[in-house]
């Protein structure tokens, strides 16, 4: 079983109406639930994965969580479906668009 197939069930739950889509490349994994996506016009977007509460890097298992997410999405092209922007960035579901 690939990481890709493990990722899909987590994020395949559709958002409620009104979602927008951002396409781009994951250029940085901050922690286990936050990434930066390089979108159109070379603009970086901070994206938090909705419904995921991973430990921060300085907390127990934080680096492990960050490394795991990085193995799944770092450097990949993604489509981000998002509904709102909060103080932490875009609150979104993240779908990888390239196979592993």
C-alpha atoms as a PDB file:
ATOM      1  CA  UNK A   1       0.000   0.000   0.000  1.00  0.00           C
ATOM      2  CA  UNK A   2       1.398   3.393  -0.948  1.00  0.00           C
ATOM      3  CA  UNK A   3       1.358   6.601   1.044  1.00  0.00           C
ATOM      4  CA  UNK A   4      -0.816   8.071  -1.710  1.00  0.00           C
ATOM      5  CA  UNK A   5      -3.554   5.540  -1.066  1.00  0.00           C
ATOM      6  CA  UNK A   6      -3.318   6.242   2.670  1.00  0.00           C
ATOM      7  CA  UNK A   7      -3.616   9.979   2.079  1.00  0.00           C
ATOM      8  CA  UNK A   8      -6.745   9.910  -0.047  1.00  0.00           C
ATOM      9  CA  UNK A   9      -9.167   8.655   2.617  1.00  0.00           C
ATOM     10  CA  UNK A  10      -8.038  11.434   4.963  1.00  0.00           C
ATOM     11  CA  UNK A  11      -8.699  14.222   2.502  1.00  0.00           C
ATOM     12  CA  UNK A  12     -11.268  12.788   0.093  1.00  0.00           C
ATOM     13  CA  UNK A  13     -14.201  13.995   2.178  1.00  0.00           C
ATOM     14  CA  UNK A  14     -15.794  16.717   0.067  1.00  0.00           C
ATOM     15  CA  UNK A  15     -16.073  20.228   1.422  1.00  0.00           C
ATOM     16  CA  UNK A  16     -19.396  21.965   1.680  1.00  0.00           C
ATOM     17  CA  UNK A  17     -20.389  24.268  -1.198  1.00  0.00           C
ATOM     18  CA  UNK A  18     -18.426  27.383  -1.976  1.00  0.00           C
ATOM     19  CA  UNK A  19     -14.960  25.843  -2.076  1.00  0.00           C
ATOM     20  CA  UNK A  20     -12.246  27.375  -4.232  1.00  0.00           C
ATOM     21  CA  UNK A  21      -9.342  25.447  -5.755  1.00  0.00           C
ATOM     22  CA  UNK A  22      -5.670  26.388  -5.726  1.00  0.00           C
ATOM     23  CA  UNK A  23      -3.237  24.346  -7.812  1.00  0.00           C
ATOM     24  CA  UNK A  24       0.481  24.348  -7.198  1.00  0.00           C
ATOM     25  CA  UNK A  25       3.541  22.587  -5.840  1.00  0.00           C
ATOM     26  CA  UNK A  26       4.239  21.847  -2.176  1.00  0.00           C
ATOM     27  CA  UNK A  27       7.478  23.735  -1.521  1.00  0.00           C
ATOM     28  CA  UNK A  28       7.683  23.458   2.281  1.00  0.00           C
ATOM     29  CA  UNK A  29       6.256  21.248   4.998  1.00  0.00           C
ATOM     30  CA  UNK A  30       6.043  23.244   8.232  1.00  0.00           C
ATOM     31  CA  UNK A  31       4.698  20.532  10.511  1.00  0.00           C
ATOM     32  CA  UNK A  32       2.312  17.587  10.364  1.00  0.00           C
ATOM     33  CA  UNK A  33      -0.679  19.685   9.304  1.00  0.00           C
ATOM     34  CA  UNK A  34       0.746  22.758   7.545  1.00  0.00           C
ATOM     35  CA  UNK A  35       2.420  23.168   4.148  1.00  0.00           C
ATOM     36  CA  UNK A  36       3.325  25.959   1.751  1.00  0.00           C
ATOM     37  CA  UNK A  37       2.053  25.644  -1.817  1.00  0.00           C
ATOM     38  CA  UNK A  38       3.595  27.636  -4.663  1.00  0.00           C
ATOM     39  CA  UNK A  39       0.688  28.689  -6.855  1.00  0.00           C
ATOM     40  CA  UNK A  40       0.188  30.904  -9.878  1.00  0.00           C
ATOM     41  CA  UNK A  41       2.482  33.891 -10.302  1.00  0.00           C
ATOM     42  CA  UNK A  42       5.001  32.188  -7.988  1.00  0.00           C
ATOM     43  CA  UNK A  43       2.927  33.189  -4.936  1.00  0.00           C
ATOM     44  CA  UNK A  44       3.283  31.009  -1.814  1.00  0.00           C
ATOM     45  CA  UNK A  45       0.170  30.056   0.134  1.00  0.00           C
ATOM     46  CA  UNK A  46       0.227  28.696   3.674  1.00  0.00           C
ATOM     47  CA  UNK A  47      -2.207  25.776   3.826  1.00  0.00           C
ATOM     48  CA  UNK A  48      -3.482  24.069   6.982  1.00  0.00           C
ATOM     49  CA  UNK A  49      -5.057  20.651   6.519  1.00  0.00           C
ATOM     50  CA  UNK A  50      -8.643  20.780   7.757  1.00  0.00           C
ATOM     51  CA  UNK A  51      -9.577  18.225  10.371  1.00  0.00           C
ATOM     52  CA  UNK A  52      -5.947  17.373  11.199  1.00  0.00           C
ATOM     53  CA  UNK A  53      -4.412  18.360  14.541  1.00  0.00           C
ATOM     54  CA  UNK A  54      -0.809  17.208  14.373  1.00  0.00           C
ATOM     55  CA  UNK A  55       1.827  18.016  17.008  1.00  0.00           C
ATOM     56  CA  UNK A  56       4.005  21.051  16.417  1.00  0.00           C
ATOM     57  CA  UNK A  57       7.681  20.488  15.620  1.00  0.00           C
ATOM     58  CA  UNK A  58       8.798  21.167  19.197  1.00  0.00           C
ATOM     59  CA  UNK A  59       6.219  18.853  20.764  1.00  0.00           C
ATOM     60  CA  UNK A  60       6.596  15.094  21.300  1.00  0.00           C
ATOM     61  CA  UNK A  61       6.327  13.291  17.932  1.00  0.00           C
ATOM     62  CA  UNK A  62       6.320  16.656  16.121  1.00  0.00           C
ATOM     63  CA  UNK A  63       9.319  15.875  13.916  1.00  0.00           C
ATOM     64  CA  UNK A  64       7.961  12.415  13.172  1.00  0.00           C
ATOM     65  CA  UNK A  65       4.636  13.913  12.102  1.00  0.00           C
ATOM     66  CA  UNK A  66       6.375  16.513   9.933  1.00  0.00           C
ATOM     67  CA  UNK A  67       8.593  13.884   8.297  1.00  0.00           C
ATOM     68  CA  UNK A  68       5.611  11.664   7.549  1.00  0.00           C
ATOM     69  CA  UNK A  69       3.658  14.440   5.824  1.00  0.00           C
ATOM     70  CA  UNK A  70       6.796  15.471   3.915  1.00  0.00           C
ATOM     71  CA  UNK A  71       7.223  11.922   2.561  1.00  0.00           C
ATOM     72  CA  UNK A  72       3.667  12.082   1.244  1.00  0.00           C
ATOM     73  CA  UNK A  73       3.441  15.567  -0.305  1.00  0.00           C
ATOM     74  CA  UNK A  74       6.812  17.407  -0.449  1.00  0.00           C
ATOM     75  CA  UNK A  75       7.646  18.475  -3.980  1.00  0.00           C
ATOM     76  CA  UNK A  76       4.370  17.209  -5.412  1.00  0.00           C
ATOM     77  CA  UNK A  77       1.819  19.043  -7.468  1.00  0.00           C
ATOM     78  CA  UNK A  78      -1.420  19.383  -5.524  1.00  0.00           C
ATOM     79  CA  UNK A  79      -4.905  20.771  -5.873  1.00  0.00           C
ATOM     80  CA  UNK A  80      -6.073  22.487  -2.702  1.00  0.00           C
ATOM     81  CA  UNK A  81      -9.805  22.838  -2.148  1.00  0.00           C
ATOM     82  CA  UNK A  82     -10.372  25.539   0.445  1.00  0.00           C
ATOM     83  CA  UNK A  83     -13.296  27.420   1.865  1.00  0.00           C
ATOM     84  CA  UNK A  84     -11.887  29.967   4.284  1.00  0.00           C
ATOM     85  CA  UNK A  85      -8.739  31.835   5.183  1.00  0.00           C
ATOM     86  CA  UNK A  86      -8.121  32.154   8.900  1.00  0.00           C
ATOM     87  CA  UNK A  87      -5.297  33.651  10.939  1.00  0.00           C
ATOM     88  CA  UNK A  88      -3.178  30.559  10.225  1.00  0.00           C
ATOM     89  CA  UNK A  89      -3.622  30.564   6.434  1.00  0.00           C
ATOM     90  CA  UNK A  90      -5.966  28.671   4.172  1.00  0.00           C
ATOM     91  CA  UNK A  91      -8.024  26.005   5.914  1.00  0.00           C
ATOM     92  CA  UNK A  92      -8.170  23.299   3.305  1.00  0.00           C
ATOM     93  CA  UNK A  93      -8.344  19.730   2.235  1.00  0.00           C
ATOM     94  CA  UNK A  94      -5.292  18.765   0.188  1.00  0.00           C
ATOM     95  CA  UNK A  95      -5.383  16.333  -2.716  1.00  0.00           C
ATOM     96  CA  UNK A  96      -2.207  15.065  -4.325  1.00  0.00           C
ATOM     97  CA  UNK A  97      -2.408  14.992  -8.092  1.00  0.00           C
ATOM     98  CA  UNK A  98       0.698  12.967  -8.934  1.00  0.00           C
ATOM     99  CA  UNK A  99       1.005   9.244  -8.290  1.00  0.00           C
ATOM    100  CA  UNK A 100       3.673   7.864  -5.978  1.00  0.00           C
END
